[in-house]
PDB file of N, CA and C in Angstrom:
ATOM      1  N   UNK A   1     -23.991  -1.228  12.844  1.00  0.00           N
ATOM      2  CA  UNK A   1     -23.820   0.095  12.277  1.00  0.00           C
ATOM      3  C   UNK A   1     -23.849   0.065  10.751  1.00  0.00           C
ATOM      4  N   UNK A   2     -24.511  -0.936  10.183  1.00  0.00           N
ATOM      5  CA  UNK A   2     -24.594  -1.028   8.724  1.00  0.00           C
ATOM      6  C   UNK A   2     -25.452   0.104   8.182  1.00  0.00           C
ATOM      7  N   UNK A   3     -25.058   0.575   7.007  1.00  0.00           N
ATOM      8  CA  UNK A   3     -25.801   1.636   6.338  1.00  0.00           C
ATOM      9  C   UNK A   3     -26.243   1.131   4.970  1.00  0.00           C
ATOM     10  N   UNK A   4     -27.236   1.767   4.413  1.00  0.00           N
ATOM     11  CA  UNK A   4     -27.742   1.371   3.107  1.00  0.00           C
ATOM     12  C   UNK A   4     -26.639   1.417   2.049  1.00  0.00           C
ATOM     13  N   UNK A   5     -25.750   2.408   2.115  1.00  0.00           N
ATOM     14  CA  UNK A   5     -24.683   2.538   1.108  1.00  0.00           C
ATOM     15  C   UNK A   5     -23.668   1.406   1.201  1.00  0.00           C
ATOM     16  N   UNK A   6     -23.708   0.632   2.284  1.00  0.00           N
ATOM     17  CA  UNK A   6     -22.796  -0.494   2.429  1.00  0.00           C
ATOM     18  C   UNK A   6     -23.263  -1.723   1.641  1.00  0.00           C
ATOM     19  N   UNK A   7     -24.503  -1.700   1.192  1.00  0.00           N
ATOM     20  CA  UNK A   7     -25.050  -2.868   0.493  1.00  0.00           C
ATOM     21  C   UNK A   7     -24.339  -3.131  -0.832  1.00  0.00           C
ATOM     22  N   UNK A   8     -24.147  -2.104  -1.647  1.00  0.00           N
ATOM     23  CA  UNK A   8     -23.537  -2.307  -2.964  1.00  0.00           C
ATOM     24  C   UNK A   8     -22.129  -2.884  -2.861  1.00  0.00           C
ATOM     25  N   UNK A   9     -21.232  -2.300  -2.041  1.00  0.00           N
ATOM     26  CA  UNK A   9     -19.900  -2.903  -1.965  1.00  0.00           C
ATOM     27  C   UNK A   9     -19.926  -4.318  -1.375  1.00  0.00           C
ATOM     28  N   UNK A  10     -20.846  -4.568  -0.458  1.00  0.00           N
ATOM     29  CA  UNK A  10     -20.943  -5.903   0.135  1.00  0.00           C
ATOM     30  C   UNK A  10     -21.428  -6.919  -0.895  1.00  0.00           C
ATOM     31  N   UNK A  11     -22.384  -6.525  -1.720  1.00  0.00           N
ATOM     32  CA  UNK A  11     -22.873  -7.424  -2.776  1.00  0.00           C
ATOM     33  C   UNK A  11     -21.777  -7.702  -3.792  1.00  0.00           C
ATOM     34  N   UNK A  12     -21.031  -6.666  -4.183  1.00  0.00           N
ATOM     35  CA  UNK A  12     -19.916  -6.877  -5.111  1.00  0.00           C
ATOM     36  C   UNK A  12     -18.906  -7.855  -4.526  1.00  0.00           C
ATOM     37  N   UNK A  13     -18.582  -7.684  -3.261  1.00  0.00           N
ATOM     38  CA  UNK A  13     -17.646  -8.590  -2.581  1.00  0.00           C
ATOM     39  C   UNK A  13     -18.185 -10.019  -2.599  1.00  0.00           C
ATOM     40  N   UNK A  14     -19.473 -10.178  -2.309  1.00  0.00           N
ATOM     41  CA  UNK A  14     -20.090 -11.497  -2.296  1.00  0.00           C
ATOM     42  C   UNK A  14     -19.993 -12.163  -3.667  1.00  0.00           C
ATOM     43  N   UNK A  15     -20.111 -11.367  -4.718  1.00  0.00           N
ATOM     44  CA  UNK A  15     -20.047 -11.889  -6.081  1.00  0.00           C
ATOM     45  C   UNK A  15     -18.608 -12.073  -6.575  1.00  0.00           C
ATOM     46  N   UNK A  16     -17.630 -11.658  -5.777  1.00  0.00           N
ATOM     47  CA  UNK A  16     -16.233 -11.791  -6.172  1.00  0.00           C
ATOM     48  C   UNK A  16     -15.780 -10.713  -7.134  1.00  0.00           C
ATOM     49  N   UNK A  17     -16.505  -9.600  -7.148  1.00  0.00           N
ATOM     50  CA  UNK A  17     -16.179  -8.486  -8.040  1.00  0.00           C
ATOM     51  C   UNK A  17     -15.410  -7.434  -7.250  1.00  0.00           C
ATOM     52  N   UNK A  18     -14.300  -6.922  -7.800  1.00  0.00           N
ATOM     53  CA  UNK A  18     -13.573  -5.865  -7.095  1.00  0.00           C
ATOM     54  C   UNK A  18     -14.454  -4.648  -6.833  1.00  0.00           C
ATOM     55  N   UNK A  19     -14.300  -4.066  -5.662  1.00  0.00           N
ATOM     56  CA  UNK A  19     -15.093  -2.905  -5.246  1.00  0.00           C
ATOM     57  C   UNK A  19     -14.377  -1.636  -5.717  1.00  0.00           C
ATOM     58  N   UNK A  20     -15.049  -0.779  -6.493  1.00  0.00           N
ATOM     59  CA  UNK A  20     -14.412   0.476  -6.911  1.00  0.00           C
ATOM     60  C   UNK A  20     -14.023   1.308  -5.688  1.00  0.00           C
ATOM     61  N   UNK A  21     -12.816   1.846  -5.695  1.00  0.00           N
ATOM     62  CA  UNK A  21     -12.333   2.622  -4.554  1.00  0.00           C
ATOM     63  C   UNK A  21     -13.167   3.859  -4.300  1.00  0.00           C
ATOM     64  N   UNK A  22     -13.768   4.413  -5.342  1.00  0.00           N
ATOM     65  CA  UNK A  22     -14.561   5.632  -5.188  1.00  0.00           C
ATOM     66  C   UNK A  22     -15.990   5.357  -4.727  1.00  0.00           C
ATOM     67  N   UNK A  23     -16.359   4.083  -4.579  1.00  0.00           N
ATOM     68  CA  UNK A  23     -17.724   3.744  -4.194  1.00  0.00           C
ATOM     69  C   UNK A  23     -17.977   4.122  -2.741  1.00  0.00           C
ATOM     70  N   UNK A  24     -19.149   4.700  -2.493  1.00  0.00           N
ATOM     71  CA  UNK A  24     -19.545   5.008  -1.121  1.00  0.00           C
ATOM     72  C   UNK A  24     -19.823   3.703  -0.383  1.00  0.00           C
ATOM     73  N   UNK A  25     -19.656   3.729   0.914  1.00  0.00           N
ATOM     74  CA  UNK A  25     -19.942   2.560   1.724  1.00  0.00           C
ATOM     75  C   UNK A  25     -18.727   1.664   1.880  1.00  0.00           C
ATOM     76  N   UNK A  26     -18.905   0.651   2.711  1.00  0.00           N
ATOM     77  CA  UNK A  26     -17.835  -0.308   2.980  1.00  0.00           C
ATOM     78  C   UNK A  26     -18.392  -1.721   2.847  1.00  0.00           C
ATOM     79  N   UNK A  27     -17.485  -2.671   2.696  1.00  0.00           N
ATOM     80  CA  UNK A  27     -17.880  -4.075   2.696  1.00  0.00           C
ATOM     81  C   UNK A  27     -18.159  -4.470   4.145  1.00  0.00           C
ATOM     82  N   UNK A  28     -19.320  -5.038   4.388  1.00  0.00           N
ATOM     83  CA  UNK A  28     -19.691  -5.475   5.735  1.00  0.00           C
ATOM     84  C   UNK A  28     -19.062  -6.848   5.996  1.00  0.00           C
ATOM     85  N   UNK A  29     -17.768  -6.821   6.258  1.00  0.00           N
ATOM     86  CA  UNK A  29     -17.004  -8.053   6.401  1.00  0.00           C
ATOM     87  C   UNK A  29     -17.460  -8.907   7.579  1.00  0.00           C
ATOM     88  N   UNK A  30     -18.052  -8.301   8.586  1.00  0.00           N
ATOM     89  CA  UNK A  30     -18.502  -9.057   9.751  1.00  0.00           C
ATOM     90  C   UNK A  30     -19.621 -10.035   9.418  1.00  0.00           C
ATOM     91  N   UNK A  31     -20.243  -9.891   8.252  1.00  0.00           N
ATOM     92  CA  UNK A  31     -21.293 -10.817   7.839  1.00  0.00           C
ATOM     93  C   UNK A  31     -20.733 -12.161   7.388  1.00  0.00           C
ATOM     94  N   UNK A  32     -19.427 -12.220   7.177  1.00  0.00           N
ATOM     95  CA  UNK A  32     -18.785 -13.414   6.638  1.00  0.00           C
ATOM     96  C   UNK A  32     -17.897 -14.069   7.694  1.00  0.00           C
ATOM     97  N   UNK A  33     -17.735 -15.361   7.578  1.00  0.00           N
ATOM     98  CA  UNK A  33     -16.922 -16.093   8.545  1.00  0.00           C
ATOM     99  C   UNK A  33     -15.451 -15.695   8.407  1.00  0.00           C
ATOM    100  N   UNK A  34     -14.683 -15.851   9.477  1.00  0.00           N
ATOM    101  CA  UNK A  34     -13.251 -15.542   9.394  1.00  0.00           C
ATOM    102  C   UNK A  34     -12.557 -16.358   8.301  1.00  0.00           C
ATOM    103  N   UNK A  35     -12.950 -17.611   8.134  1.00  0.00           N
ATOM    104  CA  UNK A  35     -12.327 -18.450   7.101  1.00  0.00           C
ATOM    105  C   UNK A  35     -12.629 -17.889   5.709  1.00  0.00           C
ATOM    106  N   UNK A  36     -13.878 -17.480   5.477  1.00  0.00           N
ATOM    107  CA  UNK A  36     -14.242 -16.910   4.179  1.00  0.00           C
ATOM    108  C   UNK A  36     -13.444 -15.633   3.924  1.00  0.00           C
ATOM    109  N   UNK A  37     -13.367 -14.768   4.922  1.00  0.00           N
ATOM    110  CA  UNK A  37     -12.629 -13.505   4.753  1.00  0.00           C
ATOM    111  C   UNK A  37     -11.147 -13.766   4.502  1.00  0.00           C
ATOM    112  N   UNK A  38     -10.615 -14.794   5.147  1.00  0.00           N
ATOM    113  CA  UNK A  38      -9.195 -15.110   4.968  1.00  0.00           C
ATOM    114  C   UNK A  38      -8.910 -15.620   3.560  1.00  0.00           C
ATOM    115  N   UNK A  39      -9.823 -16.433   3.045  1.00  0.00           N
ATOM    116  CA  UNK A  39      -9.612 -17.010   1.711  1.00  0.00           C
ATOM    117  C   UNK A  39     -10.136 -16.122   0.588  1.00  0.00           C
ATOM    118  N   UNK A  40     -10.920 -15.103   0.938  1.00  0.00           N
ATOM    119  CA  UNK A  40     -11.479 -14.182  -0.052  1.00  0.00           C
ATOM    120  C   UNK A  40     -11.282 -12.739   0.413  1.00  0.00           C
ATOM    121  N   UNK A  41     -10.057 -12.243   0.339  1.00  0.00           N
ATOM    122  CA  UNK A  41      -9.846 -10.853   0.781  1.00  0.00           C
ATOM    123  C   UNK A  41     -10.593  -9.873  -0.134  1.00  0.00           C
ATOM    124  N   UNK A  42     -10.987  -8.742   0.433  1.00  0.00           N
ATOM    125  CA  UNK A  42     -11.661  -7.709  -0.352  1.00  0.00           C
ATOM    126  C   UNK A  42     -10.675  -7.153  -1.366  1.00  0.00           C
ATOM    127  N   UNK A  43     -11.117  -7.078  -2.612  1.00  0.00           N
ATOM    128  CA  UNK A  43     -10.303  -6.493  -3.670  1.00  0.00           C
ATOM    129  C   UNK A  43     -10.919  -5.163  -4.076  1.00  0.00           C
ATOM    130  N   UNK A  44     -10.059  -4.193  -4.315  1.00  0.00           N
ATOM    131  CA  UNK A  44     -10.508  -2.869  -4.744  1.00  0.00           C
ATOM    132  C   UNK A  44      -9.936  -2.583  -6.122  1.00  0.00           C
ATOM    133  N   UNK A  45     -10.645  -1.778  -6.872  1.00  0.00           N
ATOM    134  CA  UNK A  45     -10.174  -1.394  -8.204  1.00  0.00           C
ATOM    135  C   UNK A  45     -10.427   0.084  -8.430  1.00  0.00           C
ATOM    136  N   UNK A  46      -9.779   0.601  -9.450  1.00  0.00           N
ATOM    137  CA  UNK A  46     -10.012   1.988  -9.854  1.00  0.00           C
ATOM    138  C   UNK A  46     -11.181   2.064 -10.816  1.00  0.00           C
ATOM    139  N   UNK A  47     -11.753   0.904 -11.196  1.00  0.00           N
ATOM    140  CA  UNK A  47     -12.903   0.879 -12.093  1.00  0.00           C
ATOM    141  C   UNK A  47     -14.049   1.692 -11.505  1.00  0.00           C
ATOM    142  N   UNK A  48     -14.851   2.232 -12.361  1.00  0.00           N
ATOM    143  CA  UNK A  48     -16.004   2.982 -11.906  1.00  0.00           C
ATOM    144  C   UNK A  48     -15.815   4.483 -11.992  1.00  0.00           C
ATOM    145  N   UNK A  49     -14.601   4.916 -12.271  1.00  0.00           N
ATOM    146  CA  UNK A  49     -14.389   6.350 -12.457  1.00  0.00           C
ATOM    147  C   UNK A  49     -15.089   6.780 -13.735  1.00  0.00           C
ATOM    148  N   UNK A  50     -15.489   8.011 -13.810  1.00  0.00           N
ATOM    149  CA  UNK A  50     -16.228   8.512 -14.964  1.00  0.00           C
ATOM    150  C   UNK A  50     -15.466   8.273 -16.267  1.00  0.00           C
ATOM    151  N   UNK A  51     -14.150   8.436 -16.257  1.00  0.00           N
ATOM    152  CA  UNK A  51     -13.361   8.226 -17.468  1.00  0.00           C
ATOM    153  C   UNK A  51     -13.405   6.767 -17.910  1.00  0.00           C
ATOM    154  N   UNK A  52     -13.393   5.845 -16.934  1.00  0.00           N
ATOM    155  CA  UNK A  52     -13.426   4.423 -17.254  1.00  0.00           C
ATOM    156  C   UNK A  52     -14.785   4.022 -17.805  1.00  0.00           C
ATOM    157  N   UNK A  53     -15.840   4.584 -17.270  1.00  0.00           N
ATOM    158  CA  UNK A  53     -17.181   4.227 -17.696  1.00  0.00           C
ATOM    159  C   UNK A  53     -17.392   4.591 -19.151  1.00  0.00           C
ATOM    160  N   UNK A  54     -16.843   5.718 -19.592  1.00  0.00           N
ATOM    161  CA  UNK A  54     -17.007   6.149 -20.975  1.00  0.00           C
ATOM    162  C   UNK A  54     -16.354   5.170 -21.942  1.00  0.00           C
ATOM    163  N   UNK A  55     -15.361   4.400 -21.482  1.00  0.00           N
ATOM    164  CA  UNK A  55     -14.639   3.486 -22.351  1.00  0.00           C
ATOM    165  C   UNK A  55     -15.282   2.098 -22.419  1.00  0.00           C
ATOM    166  N   UNK A  56     -16.321   1.849 -21.659  1.00  0.00           N
ATOM    167  CA  UNK A  56     -16.967   0.546 -21.628  1.00  0.00           C
ATOM    168  C   UNK A  56     -17.771   0.338 -22.902  1.00  0.00           C
ATOM    169  N   UNK A  57     -17.628  -0.852 -23.507  1.00  0.00           N
ATOM    170  CA  UNK A  57     -18.409  -1.189 -24.699  1.00  0.00           C
ATOM    171  C   UNK A  57     -19.762  -1.711 -24.244  1.00  0.00           C
ATOM    172  N   UNK A  58     -20.809  -0.935 -24.470  1.00  0.00           N
ATOM    173  CA  UNK A  58     -22.147  -1.287 -24.015  1.00  0.00           C
ATOM    174  C   UNK A  58     -22.875  -2.182 -25.000  1.00  0.00           C
ATOM    175  N   UNK A  59     -22.397  -2.264 -26.227  1.00  0.00           N
ATOM    176  CA  UNK A  59     -23.088  -3.032 -27.244  1.00  0.00           C
ATOM    177  C   UNK A  59     -24.256  -2.267 -27.855  1.00  0.00           C
ATOM    178  N   UNK A  60     -24.421  -1.016 -27.443  1.00  0.00           N
ATOM    179  CA  UNK A  60     -25.498  -0.181 -27.963  1.00  0.00           C
ATOM    180  C   UNK A  60     -24.993   0.627 -29.148  1.00  0.00           C
ATOM    181  N   UNK A  61     -25.915   0.982 -30.031  1.00  0.00           N
ATOM    182  CA  UNK A  61     -25.548   1.872 -31.128  1.00  0.00           C
ATOM    183  C   UNK A  61     -25.383   3.277 -30.564  1.00  0.00           C
ATOM    184  N   UNK A  62     -24.759   4.143 -31.345  1.00  0.00           N
ATOM    185  CA  UNK A  62     -24.581   5.518 -30.875  1.00  0.00           C
ATOM    186  C   UNK A  62     -25.926   6.213 -30.719  1.00  0.00           C
ATOM    187  N   UNK A  63     -26.893   5.862 -31.565  1.00  0.00           N
ATOM    188  CA  UNK A  63     -28.230   6.445 -31.448  1.00  0.00           C
ATOM    189  C   UNK A  63     -28.905   6.007 -30.141  1.00  0.00           C
ATOM    190  N   UNK A  64     -28.758   4.726 -29.789  1.00  0.00           N
ATOM    191  CA  UNK A  64     -29.339   4.222 -28.535  1.00  0.00           C
ATOM    192  C   UNK A  64     -28.688   4.882 -27.319  1.00  0.00           C
ATOM    193  N   UNK A  65     -27.368   5.037 -27.368  1.00  0.00           N
ATOM    194  CA  UNK A  65     -26.669   5.698 -26.266  1.00  0.00           C
ATOM    195  C   UNK A  65     -27.124   7.140 -26.117  1.00  0.00           C
ATOM    196  N   UNK A  66     -27.315   7.835 -27.244  1.00  0.00           N
ATOM    197  CA  UNK A  66     -27.782   9.224 -27.204  1.00  0.00           C
ATOM    198  C   UNK A  66     -29.193   9.300 -26.633  1.00  0.00           C
ATOM    199  N   UNK A  67     -30.046   8.381 -26.999  1.00  0.00           N
ATOM    200  CA  UNK A  67     -31.410   8.351 -26.475  1.00  0.00           C
ATOM    201  C   UNK A  67     -31.398   8.139 -24.957  1.00  0.00           C
ATOM    202  N   UNK A  68     -30.557   7.256 -24.483  1.00  0.00           N
ATOM    203  CA  UNK A  68     -30.436   7.014 -23.036  1.00  0.00           C
ATOM    204  C   UNK A  68     -29.893   8.254 -22.341  1.00  0.00           C
ATOM    205  N   UNK A  69     -28.869   8.891 -22.937  1.00  0.00           N
ATOM    206  CA  UNK A  69     -28.293  10.099 -22.347  1.00  0.00           C
ATOM    207  C   UNK A  69     -29.353  11.185 -22.208  1.00  0.00           C
ATOM    208  N   UNK A  70     -30.162  11.400 -23.251  1.00  0.00           N
ATOM    209  CA  UNK A  70     -31.218  12.415 -23.197  1.00  0.00           C
ATOM    210  C   UNK A  70     -32.249  12.082 -22.120  1.00  0.00           C
ATOM    211  N   UNK A  71     -32.590  10.814 -22.015  1.00  0.00           N
ATOM    212  CA  UNK A  71     -33.557  10.387 -21.007  1.00  0.00           C
ATOM    213  C   UNK A  71     -32.994  10.632 -19.590  1.00  0.00           C
ATOM    214  N   UNK A  72     -31.740  10.298 -19.378  1.00  0.00           N
ATOM    215  CA  UNK A  72     -31.118  10.528 -18.069  1.00  0.00           C
ATOM    216  C   UNK A  72     -31.025  12.011 -17.746  1.00  0.00           C
ATOM    217  N   UNK A  73     -30.784  12.837 -18.773  1.00  0.00           N
ATOM    218  CA  UNK A  73     -30.770  14.292 -18.552  1.00  0.00           C
ATOM    219  C   UNK A  73     -32.143  14.798 -18.117  1.00  0.00           C
ATOM    220  N   UNK A  74     -33.188  14.301 -18.794  1.00  0.00           N
ATOM    221  CA  UNK A  74     -34.550  14.720 -18.424  1.00  0.00           C
ATOM    222  C   UNK A  74     -34.898  14.297 -16.986  1.00  0.00           C
ATOM    223  N   UNK A  75     -34.351  13.174 -16.558  1.00  0.00           N
ATOM    224  CA  UNK A  75     -34.599  12.711 -15.197  1.00  0.00           C
ATOM    225  C   UNK A  75     -33.737  13.421 -14.160  1.00  0.00           C
ATOM    226  N   UNK A  76     -32.751  14.183 -14.640  1.00  0.00           N
ATOM    227  CA  UNK A  76     -31.895  14.939 -13.733  1.00  0.00           C
ATOM    228  C   UNK A  76     -30.643  14.222 -13.283  1.00  0.00           C
ATOM    229  N   UNK A  77     -30.316  13.094 -13.916  1.00  0.00           N
ATOM    230  CA  UNK A  77     -29.124  12.343 -13.524  1.00  0.00           C
ATOM    231  C   UNK A  77     -27.843  12.902 -14.154  1.00  0.00           C
ATOM    232  N   UNK A  78     -27.989  13.576 -15.277  1.00  0.00           N
ATOM    233  CA  UNK A  78     -26.805  14.132 -15.952  1.00  0.00           C
ATOM    234  C   UNK A  78     -26.931  15.636 -16.030  1.00  0.00           C
TER     235      UNK A  78
END
């Protein structure tokens, strides 16, 4: 019963990255052995909320960030 939206949280789990609680999908834990699941429990975080994303240091200049924002608006993402 795996769904496409389950891929992102499962990949994050595989990489040892906490899964944002607001993320769609679930970790497909059945893909992993019981021993792996026991020694690597799924971790969740509040990261990924819109407020948190705005606080991330991207290393971009303000002009570059504005250019990306305008491009995303033209594409309909914002």
